[in-house]
Amino acid sequence: MFVFINRYRVSGDPEAFERILDQISAYLADQPGLRTHSLYRSVKEDSVYVETAEWTDAAVHRSAIGSDLVQGLITELKALATAEPAPFRQVRAHTGTAAVLSLSRERVSDVR
């Protein structure tokens, strides 16, 4: 597993920033190896966003973001925000009981 996290500080139009990231996300969703891709916005600072992507491995990530389409969209993003991109490795993971209960309820309703 390969996890990539971007922290953005948006100085331009937040709606334009989100639209561009939606375009990137739509493209990445069709690429092999992408497990999840999410965008979060800070509730304390409207200008701060965090983007997370989980890939099967670093090579598929590099291939997907290396496309001309994604590189062009990244250039557009740079006009609206500064980014602090970095790969991460998972140190620990925990699943809360709410997640387990939710999954159990979904399975029960699927059976009915």
Protein backbone atom coordinates (compact mmCIF):
# COMPACT_ATOMS: atom_id res chain seq x y z
CA MET A 1 0.00 0.00 0.00
CA PHE A 2 1.13 3.54 -0.84
CA VAL A 3 -0.50 6.59 0.78
CA PHE A 4 -0.01 10.06 -0.59
CA ILE A 5 -1.20 13.16 1.27
CA ASN A 6 -1.33 16.76 0.04
CA ARG A 7 -1.94 19.68 2.36
CA TYR A 8 -3.10 22.76 0.48
CA ARG A 9 -3.44 26.40 1.44
CA VAL A 10 -5.84 27.95 -1.06
CA SER A 11 -5.26 31.61 -1.92
CA GLY A 12 -7.51 31.68 -5.00
CA ASP A 13 -11.15 30.78 -5.57
CA PRO A 14 -12.03 27.72 -3.39
CA GLU A 15 -14.78 26.60 -5.80
CA ALA A 16 -12.37 26.63 -8.74
CA PHE A 17 -9.83 24.73 -6.63
CA GLU A 18 -12.41 22.07 -5.73
CA ARG A 19 -13.56 21.77 -9.38
CA ILE A 20 -10.01 21.10 -10.52
CA LEU A 21 -9.50 18.49 -7.81
CA ASP A 22 -12.82 16.89 -8.83
CA GLN A 23 -11.43 16.56 -12.36
CA ILE A 24 -8.23 15.00 -11.05
CA SER A 25 -10.21 12.64 -8.80
CA ALA A 26 -12.46 11.55 -11.69
CA TYR A 27 -9.40 10.72 -13.79
CA LEU A 28 -7.63 8.91 -10.95
CA ALA A 29 -10.74 6.84 -10.19
CA ASP A 30 -10.35 5.17 -13.60
CA GLN A 31 -6.66 4.36 -13.10
CA PRO A 32 -5.46 0.94 -11.99
CA GLY A 33 -4.28 0.74 -8.41
CA LEU A 34 -6.31 3.54 -6.83
CA ARG A 35 -8.06 2.38 -3.67
CA THR A 36 -9.41 5.67 -2.27
CA HIS A 37 -9.13 9.37 -2.96
CA SER A 38 -10.60 11.98 -0.59
CA LEU A 39 -10.60 15.73 -0.08
CA TYR A 40 -11.09 17.35 3.33
CA ARG A 41 -11.54 21.02 4.20
CA SER A 42 -10.54 22.42 7.57
CA VAL A 43 -13.41 23.62 9.74
CA LYS A 44 -11.01 25.96 11.55
CA GLU A 45 -9.33 27.52 8.50
CA ASP A 46 -11.41 27.65 5.30
CA SER A 47 -8.30 28.03 3.19
CA VAL A 48 -6.75 24.72 4.33
CA TYR A 49 -7.50 21.43 2.57
CA VAL A 50 -6.06 17.94 2.85
CA GLU A 51 -6.18 15.45 -0.01
CA THR A 52 -5.49 11.77 0.62
CA ALA A 53 -4.98 8.98 -1.88
CA GLU A 54 -4.34 5.32 -1.20
CA TRP A 55 -2.75 3.28 -3.99
CA THR A 56 -1.70 -0.34 -4.31
CA ASP A 57 1.91 0.83 -4.77
CA ALA A 58 4.05 3.85 -5.57
CA ALA A 59 4.64 2.90 -9.21
CA VAL A 60 0.94 3.05 -10.16
CA HIS A 61 0.64 6.39 -8.36
CA ARG A 62 3.57 7.84 -10.29
CA SER A 63 2.12 6.55 -13.56
CA ALA A 64 -1.34 8.02 -12.90
CA ILE A 65 -0.16 11.47 -11.83
CA GLY A 66 2.41 11.58 -14.62
CA SER A 67 -0.27 11.83 -17.30
CA ASP A 68 -0.44 15.03 -19.36
CA LEU A 69 -4.01 15.61 -18.15
CA VAL A 70 -3.11 15.46 -14.45
CA GLN A 71 0.04 17.52 -14.92
CA GLY A 72 -1.96 20.23 -16.70
CA LEU A 73 -4.53 20.28 -13.89
CA ILE A 74 -1.75 20.44 -11.28
CA THR A 75 -0.41 23.52 -13.09
CA GLU A 76 -3.87 25.11 -12.77
CA LEU A 77 -3.96 24.20 -9.05
CA LYS A 78 -0.64 25.93 -8.45
CA ALA A 79 -2.24 29.23 -9.49
CA LEU A 80 -4.86 28.79 -6.75
CA ALA A 81 -3.00 27.10 -3.91
CA THR A 82 0.32 26.09 -2.43
CA ALA A 83 0.78 22.40 -1.75
CA GLU A 84 2.81 20.35 0.71
CA PRO A 85 2.78 16.90 -0.94
CA ALA A 86 4.35 13.87 0.69
CA PRO A 87 4.14 10.09 0.75
CA PHE A 88 3.22 8.55 4.10
CA ARG A 89 3.42 5.10 5.62
CA GLN A 90 0.80 3.81 7.99
CA VAL A 91 2.03 3.39 11.54
CA ARG A 92 -1.20 2.27 13.19
CA ALA A 93 -4.84 1.73 12.27
CA HIS A 94 -7.87 1.27 14.48
CA THR A 95 -11.47 0.46 13.66
CA GLY A 96 -14.14 1.81 15.98
CA THR A 97 -17.18 -0.14 17.04
CA ALA A 98 -19.45 2.20 15.03
CA ALA A 99 -17.79 1.01 11.82
CA VAL A 100 -18.21 -2.64 12.82
CA LEU A 101 -21.88 -2.10 13.74
CA SER A 102 -22.51 -0.27 10.47
CA LEU A 103 -21.03 -3.13 8.46
CA SER A 104 -23.05 -5.69 10.42
CA ARG A 105 -26.30 -3.78 9.77
CA GLU A 106 -25.51 -3.51 6.05
CA ARG A 107 -24.97 -7.27 5.84
CA VAL A 108 -28.23 -7.98 7.69
CA SER A 109 -30.20 -5.65 5.38
CA ASP A 110 -28.57 -7.30 2.32
CA VAL A 111 -29.84 -10.68 3.48
CA ARG A 112 -33.44 -9.46 3.89
